[in-house]
Amino acid sequence: MAEVGQESGIMPKALVLSLLLAGVAGAQAVDVPNADIQAMLRKVAAQRVSDQQMRVVSINDEYNVGVGVVRRAKTSGRDAGGGIDHSQITEVYHVMEGTGTFVTGGVILNQKPFAPDSQVVKVLNGPSTNGGPIEGGVSRKVGPGDVIVIPPNTAHWFSEITSDQIVYLVVRIDPHKVLPAGYVAK
């Protein structure tokens, strides 16, 4: 595991949680119970890839924070999908289950923007691009308990998921308020 401050993009959970909670000090706390997360995962269990935003919270009307859960089925090689980046959102992944190879940085091949009216832009990540595999970048093995911080405009993808699935909680820090504050998954 890399040390804090190195360019690996992985930070200890306690530090990430402290940074996130520091901004919530004057705001009303919002709970996302594990029961809700597990219910969402059961609901989308048949999908190969499922990225579900569960809540978007306004923090003192200064910025928004989204909380979601992602499930990805086992992949490798050509079926691993492609990279993505988000121009205005910082994402923090906390791996809950499974293992894989995660790549950050580099260049997404054949990249194209998501349509402004897509769910990706309107609810999940704000303005984003995706495409084929990432050329270059830094690969690392990830598994349960690992936390990855992905700044805006950073290409990222799972080039391989070695377990049956990988499940991770994602916290989306939205200083530009492009995500819909007050959103609650149905």
N, C-alpha and C. Protein backbone atom coordinates (compact mmCIF):
# COMPACT_ATOMS: atom_id res chain seq x y z
N MET A 1 0.85 -1.18 0.00
CA MET A 1 0.00 0.00 0.00
C MET A 1 0.89 1.24 0.00
N ALA A 2 0.55 2.23 -0.76
CA ALA A 2 1.33 3.45 -0.89
C ALA A 2 1.14 4.35 0.33
N GLU A 3 2.11 5.20 0.58
CA GLU A 3 2.02 6.17 1.65
C GLU A 3 1.15 7.35 1.21
N VAL A 4 0.51 8.01 2.19
CA VAL A 4 -0.27 9.20 1.88
C VAL A 4 0.68 10.23 1.27
N GLY A 5 0.23 10.88 0.22
CA GLY A 5 1.04 11.87 -0.44
C GLY A 5 1.73 11.33 -1.69
N GLN A 6 1.86 10.01 -1.79
CA GLN A 6 2.41 9.46 -3.02
C GLN A 6 1.34 9.55 -4.09
N GLU A 7 1.69 9.38 -5.33
CA GLU A 7 0.77 9.56 -6.43
C GLU A 7 -0.05 8.34 -6.76
N SER A 8 -0.15 7.40 -5.84
CA SER A 8 -0.91 6.17 -6.12
C SER A 8 -2.40 6.42 -6.18
N GLY A 9 -2.89 7.48 -5.52
CA GLY A 9 -4.31 7.74 -5.50
C GLY A 9 -5.04 6.98 -4.41
N ILE A 10 -4.33 6.22 -3.58
CA ILE A 10 -4.96 5.46 -2.50
C ILE A 10 -4.62 6.13 -1.18
N MET A 11 -5.66 6.39 -0.36
CA MET A 11 -5.48 7.03 0.95
C MET A 11 -6.11 6.16 2.02
N PRO A 12 -5.60 6.24 3.26
CA PRO A 12 -6.23 5.48 4.33
C PRO A 12 -7.68 5.93 4.55
N LYS A 13 -8.55 4.97 4.88
CA LYS A 13 -9.98 5.27 5.07
C LYS A 13 -10.20 6.36 6.11
N ALA A 14 -9.48 6.30 7.23
CA ALA A 14 -9.71 7.26 8.31
C ALA A 14 -9.45 8.69 7.82
N LEU A 15 -8.39 8.88 7.03
CA LEU A 15 -8.08 10.21 6.52
C LEU A 15 -9.16 10.69 5.57
N VAL A 16 -9.61 9.84 4.66
CA VAL A 16 -10.65 10.22 3.71
C VAL A 16 -11.93 10.59 4.45
N LEU A 17 -12.33 9.77 5.40
CA LEU A 17 -13.56 10.05 6.14
C LEU A 17 -13.43 11.35 6.93
N SER A 18 -12.26 11.62 7.51
CA SER A 18 -12.05 12.87 8.24
C SER A 18 -12.19 14.07 7.31
N LEU A 19 -11.61 13.97 6.11
CA LEU A 19 -11.70 15.07 5.15
C LEU A 19 -13.15 15.31 4.73
N LEU A 20 -13.87 14.24 4.49
CA LEU A 20 -15.27 14.37 4.07
C LEU A 20 -16.13 14.95 5.19
N LEU A 21 -15.94 14.46 6.40
CA LEU A 21 -16.78 14.91 7.51
C LEU A 21 -16.47 16.34 7.94
N ALA A 22 -15.25 16.81 7.67
CA ALA A 22 -14.90 18.18 8.03
C ALA A 22 -15.83 19.17 7.35
N GLY A 23 -16.24 18.90 6.12
CA GLY A 23 -17.13 19.79 5.40
C GLY A 23 -18.58 19.69 5.84
N VAL A 24 -18.93 18.68 6.64
CA VAL A 24 -20.31 18.45 7.04
C VAL A 24 -20.59 19.06 8.40
N ALA A 25 -19.60 19.66 9.04
CA ALA A 25 -19.72 20.10 10.43
C ALA A 25 -20.99 20.91 10.70
N GLY A 26 -21.32 21.90 9.87
CA GLY A 26 -22.48 22.73 10.13
C GLY A 26 -23.75 22.24 9.46
N ALA A 27 -23.69 21.17 8.71
CA ALA A 27 -24.83 20.68 7.97
C ALA A 27 -25.57 19.61 8.75
N GLN A 28 -26.80 19.35 8.36
CA GLN A 28 -27.58 18.25 8.92
C GLN A 28 -27.03 16.94 8.39
N ALA A 29 -26.78 16.00 9.28
CA ALA A 29 -26.24 14.71 8.87
C ALA A 29 -27.27 13.94 8.06
N VAL A 30 -26.81 13.18 7.09
CA VAL A 30 -27.66 12.33 6.26
C VAL A 30 -27.12 10.92 6.35
N ASP A 31 -27.99 9.98 6.66
CA ASP A 31 -27.59 8.58 6.78
C ASP A 31 -27.85 7.84 5.48
N VAL A 32 -26.95 6.93 5.17
CA VAL A 32 -27.14 5.96 4.10
C VAL A 32 -26.87 4.60 4.75
N PRO A 33 -27.92 4.01 5.34
CA PRO A 33 -27.72 2.75 6.08
C PRO A 33 -27.26 1.61 5.18
N ASN A 34 -26.47 0.72 5.75
CA ASN A 34 -26.01 -0.46 5.03
C ASN A 34 -27.20 -1.25 4.47
N ALA A 35 -28.30 -1.28 5.17
CA ALA A 35 -29.49 -2.00 4.68
C ALA A 35 -29.94 -1.43 3.34
N ASP A 36 -29.88 -0.10 3.17
CA ASP A 36 -30.25 0.52 1.89
C ASP A 36 -29.25 0.16 0.79
N ILE A 37 -27.97 0.15 1.14
CA ILE A 37 -26.94 -0.21 0.17
C ILE A 37 -27.14 -1.66 -0.28
N GLN A 38 -27.36 -2.56 0.67
CA GLN A 38 -27.54 -3.98 0.33
C GLN A 38 -28.82 -4.20 -0.49
N ALA A 39 -29.88 -3.47 -0.16
CA ALA A 39 -31.14 -3.58 -0.92
C ALA A 39 -30.91 -3.12 -2.37
N MET A 40 -30.16 -2.05 -2.56
CA MET A 40 -29.87 -1.57 -3.91
C MET A 40 -29.04 -2.61 -4.67
N LEU A 41 -28.07 -3.20 -4.02
CA LEU A 41 -27.24 -4.22 -4.67
C LEU A 41 -28.07 -5.44 -5.08
N ARG A 42 -29.02 -5.83 -4.24
CA ARG A 42 -29.90 -6.96 -4.60
C ARG A 42 -30.76 -6.59 -5.80
N LYS A 43 -31.22 -5.36 -5.84
CA LYS A 43 -32.09 -4.89 -6.93
C LYS A 43 -31.38 -4.93 -8.28
N VAL A 44 -30.09 -4.70 -8.30
CA VAL A 44 -29.35 -4.61 -9.56
C VAL A 44 -28.42 -5.80 -9.78
N ALA A 45 -28.60 -6.87 -9.02
CA ALA A 45 -27.68 -8.01 -9.04
C ALA A 45 -27.50 -8.64 -10.41
N ALA A 46 -28.51 -8.60 -11.26
CA ALA A 46 -28.43 -9.25 -12.57
C ALA A 46 -27.68 -8.41 -13.60
N GLN A 47 -27.42 -7.14 -13.31
CA GLN A 47 -26.75 -6.27 -14.27
C GLN A 47 -25.24 -6.49 -14.24
N ARG A 48 -24.62 -6.48 -15.41
CA ARG A 48 -23.17 -6.67 -15.51
C ARG A 48 -22.43 -5.53 -14.82
N VAL A 49 -22.89 -4.30 -15.06
CA VAL A 49 -22.35 -3.11 -14.40
C VAL A 49 -23.52 -2.30 -13.91
N SER A 50 -23.45 -1.91 -12.65
CA SER A 50 -24.52 -1.10 -12.08
C SER A 50 -23.90 0.00 -11.23
N ASP A 51 -24.12 1.25 -11.61
CA ASP A 51 -23.66 2.41 -10.85
C ASP A 51 -24.92 3.13 -10.41
N GLN A 52 -25.22 3.08 -9.13
CA GLN A 52 -26.46 3.63 -8.61
C GLN A 52 -26.19 4.74 -7.60
N GLN A 53 -26.57 5.95 -7.95
CA GLN A 53 -26.50 7.05 -6.99
C GLN A 53 -27.61 6.83 -5.97
N MET A 54 -27.28 6.93 -4.69
CA MET A 54 -28.29 6.70 -3.66
C MET A 54 -28.78 8.01 -3.05
N ARG A 55 -27.89 8.95 -2.85
CA ARG A 55 -28.25 10.25 -2.29
C ARG A 55 -27.33 11.31 -2.89
N VAL A 56 -27.86 12.54 -3.01
CA VAL A 56 -27.04 13.72 -3.28
C VAL A 56 -27.44 14.75 -2.24
N VAL A 57 -26.46 15.19 -1.48
CA VAL A 57 -26.71 16.07 -0.34
C VAL A 57 -26.02 17.41 -0.57
N SER A 58 -26.75 18.50 -0.31
CA SER A 58 -26.15 19.83 -0.33
C SER A 58 -25.49 20.07 1.01
N ILE A 59 -24.23 20.49 0.99
CA ILE A 59 -23.50 20.78 2.22
C ILE A 59 -23.46 22.30 2.38
N ASN A 60 -24.28 22.79 3.30
CA ASN A 60 -24.37 24.23 3.59
C ASN A 60 -24.54 25.07 2.34
N ASP A 61 -25.17 24.53 1.32
CA ASP A 61 -25.39 25.20 0.04
C ASP A 61 -24.08 25.66 -0.61
N GLU A 62 -22.94 25.06 -0.19
CA GLU A 62 -21.64 25.40 -0.74
C GLU A 62 -21.18 24.40 -1.80
N TYR A 63 -21.49 23.13 -1.61
CA TYR A 63 -21.15 22.09 -2.56
C TYR A 63 -22.05 20.90 -2.31
N ASN A 64 -22.06 19.94 -3.22
CA ASN A 64 -22.87 18.74 -3.06
C ASN A 64 -21.97 17.52 -2.87
N VAL A 65 -22.52 16.52 -2.22
CA VAL A 65 -21.85 15.23 -2.06
C VAL A 65 -22.83 14.15 -2.46
N GLY A 66 -22.42 13.31 -3.40
CA GLY A 66 -23.23 12.16 -3.80
C GLY A 66 -22.68 10.90 -3.16
N VAL A 67 -23.57 9.99 -2.81
CA VAL A 67 -23.17 8.68 -2.28
C VAL A 67 -23.84 7.62 -3.13
N GLY A 68 -23.04 6.74 -3.69
CA GLY A 68 -23.58 5.69 -4.54
C GLY A 68 -22.90 4.37 -4.26
N VAL A 69 -23.37 3.36 -4.97
CA VAL A 69 -22.77 2.03 -4.87
C VAL A 69 -22.65 1.47 -6.29
N VAL A 70 -21.53 0.82 -6.55
CA VAL A 70 -21.27 0.27 -7.88
C VAL A 70 -20.97 -1.22 -7.74
N ARG A 71 -21.54 -1.98 -8.65
CA ARG A 71 -21.26 -3.42 -8.74
C ARG A 71 -20.83 -3.70 -10.16
N ARG A 72 -19.70 -4.39 -10.31
CA ARG A 72 -19.19 -4.78 -11.62
C ARG A 72 -18.89 -6.27 -11.61
N ALA A 73 -19.35 -6.97 -12.65
CA ALA A 73 -19.10 -8.41 -12.77
C ALA A 73 -17.66 -8.66 -13.22
N LYS A 74 -17.21 -9.89 -13.05
CA LYS A 74 -15.87 -10.32 -13.44
C LYS A 74 -15.62 -9.99 -14.91
N THR A 75 -14.43 -9.43 -15.21
CA THR A 75 -14.04 -9.09 -16.57
C THR A 75 -12.55 -9.28 -16.75
N SER A 76 -12.13 -9.34 -17.99
CA SER A 76 -10.71 -9.28 -18.33
C SER A 76 -10.59 -9.02 -19.82
N GLY A 77 -9.45 -8.48 -20.20
CA GLY A 77 -9.18 -8.26 -21.63
C GLY A 77 -10.21 -7.39 -22.31
N ARG A 78 -10.69 -7.86 -23.46
CA ARG A 78 -11.60 -7.06 -24.29
C ARG A 78 -12.95 -6.78 -23.64
N ASP A 79 -13.40 -7.64 -22.73
CA ASP A 79 -14.72 -7.41 -22.13
C ASP A 79 -14.65 -6.51 -20.90
N ALA A 80 -13.49 -5.90 -20.64
CA ALA A 80 -13.32 -5.06 -19.46
C ALA A 80 -13.92 -3.67 -19.64
N GLY A 81 -14.46 -3.36 -20.80
CA GLY A 81 -15.05 -2.03 -21.00
C GLY A 81 -13.97 -1.01 -21.26
N GLY A 82 -14.25 0.24 -20.91
CA GLY A 82 -13.29 1.30 -21.20
C GLY A 82 -13.22 2.32 -20.10
N GLY A 83 -12.34 3.27 -20.30
CA GLY A 83 -12.09 4.31 -19.31
C GLY A 83 -13.16 5.39 -19.31
N ILE A 84 -13.13 6.17 -18.25
CA ILE A 84 -14.05 7.29 -18.07
C ILE A 84 -13.30 8.38 -17.30
N ASP A 85 -13.70 9.61 -17.49
CA ASP A 85 -13.24 10.69 -16.61
C ASP A 85 -14.38 11.69 -16.43
N HIS A 86 -14.29 12.45 -15.36
CA HIS A 86 -15.33 13.42 -14.99
C HIS A 86 -14.66 14.78 -14.82
N SER A 87 -15.18 15.79 -15.48
CA SER A 87 -14.50 17.08 -15.49
C SER A 87 -14.69 17.91 -14.23
N GLN A 88 -15.72 17.61 -13.42
CA GLN A 88 -15.99 18.49 -12.27
C GLN A 88 -16.15 17.76 -10.95
N ILE A 89 -16.09 16.46 -10.96
CA ILE A 89 -16.37 15.66 -9.76
C ILE A 89 -15.11 14.94 -9.30
N THR A 90 -14.85 14.94 -8.00
CA THR A 90 -13.85 14.07 -7.40
C THR A 90 -14.59 12.86 -6.88
N GLU A 91 -14.09 11.67 -7.19
CA GLU A 91 -14.70 10.44 -6.69
C GLU A 91 -13.78 9.79 -5.67
N VAL A 92 -14.40 9.21 -4.64
CA VAL A 92 -13.68 8.43 -3.64
C VAL A 92 -14.31 7.05 -3.62
N TYR A 93 -13.54 6.03 -3.97
CA TYR A 93 -14.02 4.65 -3.98
C TYR A 93 -13.56 3.95 -2.71
N HIS A 94 -14.48 3.23 -2.08
CA HIS A 94 -14.14 2.35 -0.96
C HIS A 94 -14.56 0.94 -1.36
N VAL A 95 -13.58 0.08 -1.63
CA VAL A 95 -13.88 -1.27 -2.09
C VAL A 95 -14.45 -2.07 -0.91
N MET A 96 -15.66 -2.60 -1.12
CA MET A 96 -16.34 -3.38 -0.08
C MET A 96 -16.15 -4.88 -0.27
N GLU A 97 -16.06 -5.32 -1.53
CA GLU A 97 -16.01 -6.74 -1.85
C GLU A 97 -15.33 -6.93 -3.19
N GLY A 98 -14.54 -7.98 -3.33
CA GLY A 98 -13.94 -8.34 -4.60
C GLY A 98 -12.57 -7.74 -4.82
N THR A 99 -11.95 -8.17 -5.95
CA THR A 99 -10.60 -7.73 -6.28
C THR A 99 -10.51 -7.42 -7.77
N GLY A 100 -9.55 -6.57 -8.11
CA GLY A 100 -9.35 -6.24 -9.50
C GLY A 100 -8.11 -5.39 -9.70
N THR A 101 -7.91 -5.00 -10.96
CA THR A 101 -6.82 -4.10 -11.32
C THR A 101 -7.45 -2.79 -11.74
N PHE A 102 -7.04 -1.72 -11.08
CA PHE A 102 -7.60 -0.40 -11.33
C PHE A 102 -6.52 0.48 -11.93
N VAL A 103 -6.88 1.23 -12.97
CA VAL A 103 -5.94 2.08 -13.69
C VAL A 103 -6.40 3.53 -13.58
N THR A 104 -5.45 4.44 -13.29
CA THR A 104 -5.75 5.88 -13.30
C THR A 104 -4.69 6.59 -14.13
N GLY A 105 -5.10 7.74 -14.68
CA GLY A 105 -4.18 8.53 -15.49
C GLY A 105 -4.14 8.01 -16.91
N GLY A 106 -3.19 8.49 -17.67
CA GLY A 106 -3.08 8.07 -19.06
C GLY A 106 -4.15 8.73 -19.92
N VAL A 107 -4.38 8.12 -21.09
CA VAL A 107 -5.31 8.67 -22.07
C VAL A 107 -6.35 7.62 -22.44
N ILE A 108 -7.61 8.02 -22.45
CA ILE A 108 -8.69 7.13 -22.89
C ILE A 108 -8.70 7.12 -24.41
N LEU A 109 -8.56 5.93 -24.99
CA LEU A 109 -8.61 5.81 -26.44
C LEU A 109 -10.03 5.99 -26.95
N ASN A 110 -10.17 6.63 -28.11
CA ASN A 110 -11.48 6.85 -28.76
C ASN A 110 -12.49 7.51 -27.82
N GLN A 111 -12.05 8.51 -27.10
CA GLN A 111 -12.96 9.11 -26.12
C GLN A 111 -14.02 10.00 -26.76
N LYS A 112 -15.17 10.02 -26.11
CA LYS A 112 -16.29 10.85 -26.56
C LYS A 112 -17.07 11.30 -25.33
N PRO A 113 -17.67 12.48 -25.38
CA PRO A 113 -18.44 12.96 -24.22
C PRO A 113 -19.79 12.26 -24.11
N PHE A 114 -20.25 12.11 -22.89
CA PHE A 114 -21.62 11.66 -22.66
C PHE A 114 -22.57 12.79 -23.03
N ALA A 115 -23.75 12.44 -23.51
CA ALA A 115 -24.76 13.44 -23.84
C ALA A 115 -25.15 14.21 -22.57
N PRO A 116 -25.36 15.52 -22.67
CA PRO A 116 -25.70 16.32 -21.49
C PRO A 116 -26.98 15.86 -20.78
N ASP A 117 -27.90 15.21 -21.50
CA ASP A 117 -29.14 14.76 -20.88
C ASP A 117 -29.08 13.30 -20.41
N SER A 118 -27.91 12.68 -20.44
CA SER A 118 -27.78 11.29 -19.99
C SER A 118 -27.80 11.20 -18.47
N GLN A 119 -28.15 10.04 -17.94
CA GLN A 119 -28.15 9.80 -16.49
C GLN A 119 -26.76 10.00 -15.90
N VAL A 120 -25.73 9.62 -16.66
CA VAL A 120 -24.36 9.78 -16.19
C VAL A 120 -24.11 11.25 -15.84
N VAL A 121 -24.49 12.15 -16.73
CA VAL A 121 -24.24 13.57 -16.52
C VAL A 121 -25.23 14.18 -15.52
N LYS A 122 -26.50 13.86 -15.64
CA LYS A 122 -27.53 14.49 -14.81
C LYS A 122 -27.54 14.02 -13.36
N VAL A 123 -27.22 12.74 -13.09
CA VAL A 123 -27.38 12.20 -11.74
C VAL A 123 -26.09 11.67 -11.13
N LEU A 124 -25.24 11.04 -11.95
CA LEU A 124 -24.08 10.33 -11.39
C LEU A 124 -22.82 11.16 -11.27
N ASN A 125 -22.32 11.73 -12.39
CA ASN A 125 -20.96 12.26 -12.41
C ASN A 125 -20.79 13.65 -13.00
N GLY A 126 -21.85 14.28 -13.47
CA GLY A 126 -21.67 15.54 -14.16
C GLY A 126 -20.99 15.31 -15.50
N PRO A 127 -20.54 16.38 -16.17
CA PRO A 127 -19.92 16.23 -17.48
C PRO A 127 -18.78 15.22 -17.46
N SER A 128 -18.83 14.26 -18.39
CA SER A 128 -17.88 13.14 -18.40
C SER A 128 -17.61 12.69 -19.82
N THR A 129 -16.48 12.01 -20.01
CA THR A 129 -16.18 11.37 -21.29
C THR A 129 -15.86 9.91 -21.01
N ASN A 130 -16.07 9.08 -22.03
CA ASN A 130 -15.68 7.67 -21.92
C ASN A 130 -15.16 7.22 -23.27
N GLY A 131 -14.73 5.98 -23.33
CA GLY A 131 -14.21 5.45 -24.58
C GLY A 131 -13.66 4.06 -24.38
N GLY A 132 -12.56 3.79 -25.05
CA GLY A 132 -11.93 2.48 -24.99
C GLY A 132 -10.98 2.39 -23.81
N PRO A 133 -10.05 1.45 -23.91
CA PRO A 133 -9.07 1.26 -22.83
C PRO A 133 -8.22 2.51 -22.62
N ILE A 134 -7.54 2.54 -21.49
CA ILE A 134 -6.62 3.63 -21.17
C ILE A 134 -5.23 3.23 -21.62
N GLU A 135 -4.59 4.13 -22.34
CA GLU A 135 -3.20 3.94 -22.72
C GLU A 135 -2.33 4.71 -21.74
N GLY A 136 -1.34 4.03 -21.19
CA GLY A 136 -0.52 4.65 -20.16
C GLY A 136 -1.25 4.53 -18.83
N GLY A 137 -1.01 5.40 -17.91
CA GLY A 137 -1.68 5.34 -16.62
C GLY A 137 -0.94 4.44 -15.64
N VAL A 138 -1.45 4.41 -14.43
CA VAL A 138 -0.85 3.63 -13.34
C VAL A 138 -1.84 2.54 -12.93
N SER A 139 -1.38 1.29 -12.95
CA SER A 139 -2.21 0.15 -12.55
C SER A 139 -1.88 -0.25 -11.13
N ARG A 140 -2.90 -0.67 -10.41
CA ARG A 140 -2.69 -1.20 -9.06
C ARG A 140 -3.76 -2.24 -8.78
N LYS A 141 -3.40 -3.24 -7.96
CA LYS A 141 -4.35 -4.26 -7.50
C LYS A 141 -5.13 -3.64 -6.35
N VAL A 142 -6.45 -3.83 -6.34
CA VAL A 142 -7.29 -3.32 -5.26
C VAL A 142 -8.17 -4.43 -4.73
N GLY A 143 -8.57 -4.28 -3.47
CA GLY A 143 -9.43 -5.26 -2.83
C GLY A 143 -10.13 -4.66 -1.63
N PRO A 144 -10.86 -5.48 -0.89
CA PRO A 144 -11.67 -4.99 0.23
C PRO A 144 -10.88 -4.10 1.20
N GLY A 145 -11.49 -2.96 1.51
CA GLY A 145 -10.89 -2.00 2.44
C GLY A 145 -10.09 -0.91 1.76
N ASP A 146 -9.67 -1.10 0.51
CA ASP A 146 -8.89 -0.08 -0.18
C ASP A 146 -9.76 1.13 -0.51
N VAL A 147 -9.15 2.31 -0.45
CA VAL A 147 -9.80 3.57 -0.79
C VAL A 147 -8.98 4.24 -1.87
N ILE A 148 -9.65 4.71 -2.91
CA ILE A 148 -8.99 5.38 -4.03
C ILE A 148 -9.63 6.74 -4.23
N VAL A 149 -8.83 7.79 -4.29
CA VAL A 149 -9.32 9.14 -4.54
C VAL A 149 -8.98 9.51 -5.98
N ILE A 150 -10.01 9.87 -6.76
CA ILE A 150 -9.85 10.14 -8.19
C ILE A 150 -10.23 11.60 -8.45
N PRO A 151 -9.24 12.47 -8.66
CA PRO A 151 -9.53 13.88 -8.92
C PRO A 151 -10.24 14.09 -10.25
N PRO A 152 -10.85 15.26 -10.46
CA PRO A 152 -11.47 15.57 -11.75
C PRO A 152 -10.45 15.42 -12.88
N ASN A 153 -10.96 15.12 -14.07
CA ASN A 153 -10.14 15.00 -15.28
C ASN A 153 -9.07 13.92 -15.19
N THR A 154 -9.33 12.90 -14.40
CA THR A 154 -8.41 11.77 -14.28
C THR A 154 -9.07 10.55 -14.90
N ALA A 155 -8.49 10.06 -15.98
CA ALA A 155 -9.01 8.84 -16.62
C ALA A 155 -8.90 7.69 -15.62
N HIS A 156 -9.92 6.81 -15.61
CA HIS A 156 -9.87 5.66 -14.70
C HIS A 156 -10.73 4.53 -15.22
N TRP A 157 -10.38 3.28 -14.85
CA TRP A 157 -11.15 2.10 -15.21
C TRP A 157 -10.60 0.87 -14.51
N PHE A 158 -11.45 -0.15 -14.43
CA PHE A 158 -11.01 -1.46 -13.98
C PHE A 158 -10.61 -2.24 -15.24
N SER A 159 -9.33 -2.46 -15.42
CA SER A 159 -8.87 -3.21 -16.59
C SER A 159 -9.13 -4.70 -16.42
N GLU A 160 -9.33 -5.12 -15.18
CA GLU A 160 -9.64 -6.51 -14.90
C GLU A 160 -10.31 -6.61 -13.54
N ILE A 161 -11.33 -7.46 -13.46
CA ILE A 161 -11.95 -7.80 -12.18
C ILE A 161 -11.74 -9.30 -12.02
N THR A 162 -10.93 -9.66 -11.04
CA THR A 162 -10.49 -11.05 -10.91
C THR A 162 -11.42 -11.92 -10.07
N SER A 163 -12.23 -11.32 -9.25
CA SER A 163 -13.21 -12.06 -8.45
C SER A 163 -14.53 -12.12 -9.24
N ASP A 164 -15.52 -12.82 -8.73
CA ASP A 164 -16.81 -12.91 -9.42
C ASP A 164 -17.42 -11.53 -9.65
N GLN A 165 -17.16 -10.60 -8.73
CA GLN A 165 -17.64 -9.23 -8.85
C GLN A 165 -16.80 -8.35 -7.95
N ILE A 166 -16.87 -7.05 -8.20
CA ILE A 166 -16.30 -6.08 -7.28
C ILE A 166 -17.43 -5.10 -6.93
N VAL A 167 -17.51 -4.76 -5.67
CA VAL A 167 -18.54 -3.84 -5.18
C VAL A 167 -17.82 -2.74 -4.41
N TYR A 168 -18.17 -1.49 -4.72
CA TYR A 168 -17.54 -0.40 -4.00
C TYR A 168 -18.52 0.75 -3.77
N LEU A 169 -18.35 1.37 -2.62
CA LEU A 169 -19.09 2.58 -2.29
C LEU A 169 -18.36 3.72 -2.97
N VAL A 170 -19.09 4.65 -3.56
CA VAL A 170 -18.47 5.81 -4.19
C VAL A 170 -19.06 7.08 -3.60
N VAL A 171 -18.16 7.95 -3.15
CA VAL A 171 -18.54 9.28 -2.65
C VAL A 171 -18.10 10.27 -3.73
N ARG A 172 -19.04 11.09 -4.18
CA ARG A 172 -18.75 12.05 -5.25
C ARG A 172 -18.80 13.47 -4.68
N ILE A 173 -17.66 14.13 -4.69
CA ILE A 173 -17.55 15.49 -4.15
C ILE A 173 -17.74 16.45 -5.32
N ASP A 174 -18.74 17.30 -5.19
CA ASP A 174 -19.24 18.12 -6.29
C ASP A 174 -19.19 19.61 -5.93
N PRO A 175 -18.01 20.26 -6.05
CA PRO A 175 -17.92 21.67 -5.68
C PRO A 175 -18.67 22.61 -6.62
N HIS A 176 -19.01 22.15 -7.81
CA HIS A 176 -19.70 22.99 -8.79
C HIS A 176 -21.22 22.80 -8.77
N LYS A 177 -21.69 21.92 -7.90
CA LYS A 177 -23.12 21.65 -7.72
C LYS A 177 -23.80 21.25 -9.04
N VAL A 178 -23.16 20.34 -9.78
CA VAL A 178 -23.76 19.85 -11.03
C VAL A 178 -24.69 18.66 -10.77
N LEU A 179 -24.55 18.01 -9.62
CA LEU A 179 -25.44 16.90 -9.27
C LEU A 179 -26.69 17.44 -8.60
N PRO A 180 -27.81 16.74 -8.69
CA PRO A 180 -29.10 17.26 -8.18
C PRO A 180 -29.22 17.11 -6.66
N ALA A 181 -28.94 18.19 -5.92
CA ALA A 181 -29.09 18.15 -4.46
C ALA A 181 -30.49 17.71 -4.10
N GLY A 182 -30.59 16.86 -3.09
CA GLY A 182 -31.88 16.33 -2.65
C GLY A 182 -32.24 15.02 -3.32
N TYR A 183 -31.45 14.56 -4.28
CA TYR A 183 -31.75 13.30 -4.98
C TYR A 183 -31.71 12.15 -3.98
N VAL A 184 -32.72 11.30 -4.06
CA VAL A 184 -32.78 10.05 -3.29
C VAL A 184 -33.22 8.96 -4.23
N ALA A 185 -32.48 7.86 -4.29
CA ALA A 185 -32.82 6.74 -5.17
C ALA A 185 -34.15 6.16 -4.76
N LYS A 186 -34.91 5.70 -5.75
CA LYS A 186 -36.20 5.09 -5.47
C LYS A 186 -36.07 3.60 -5.42
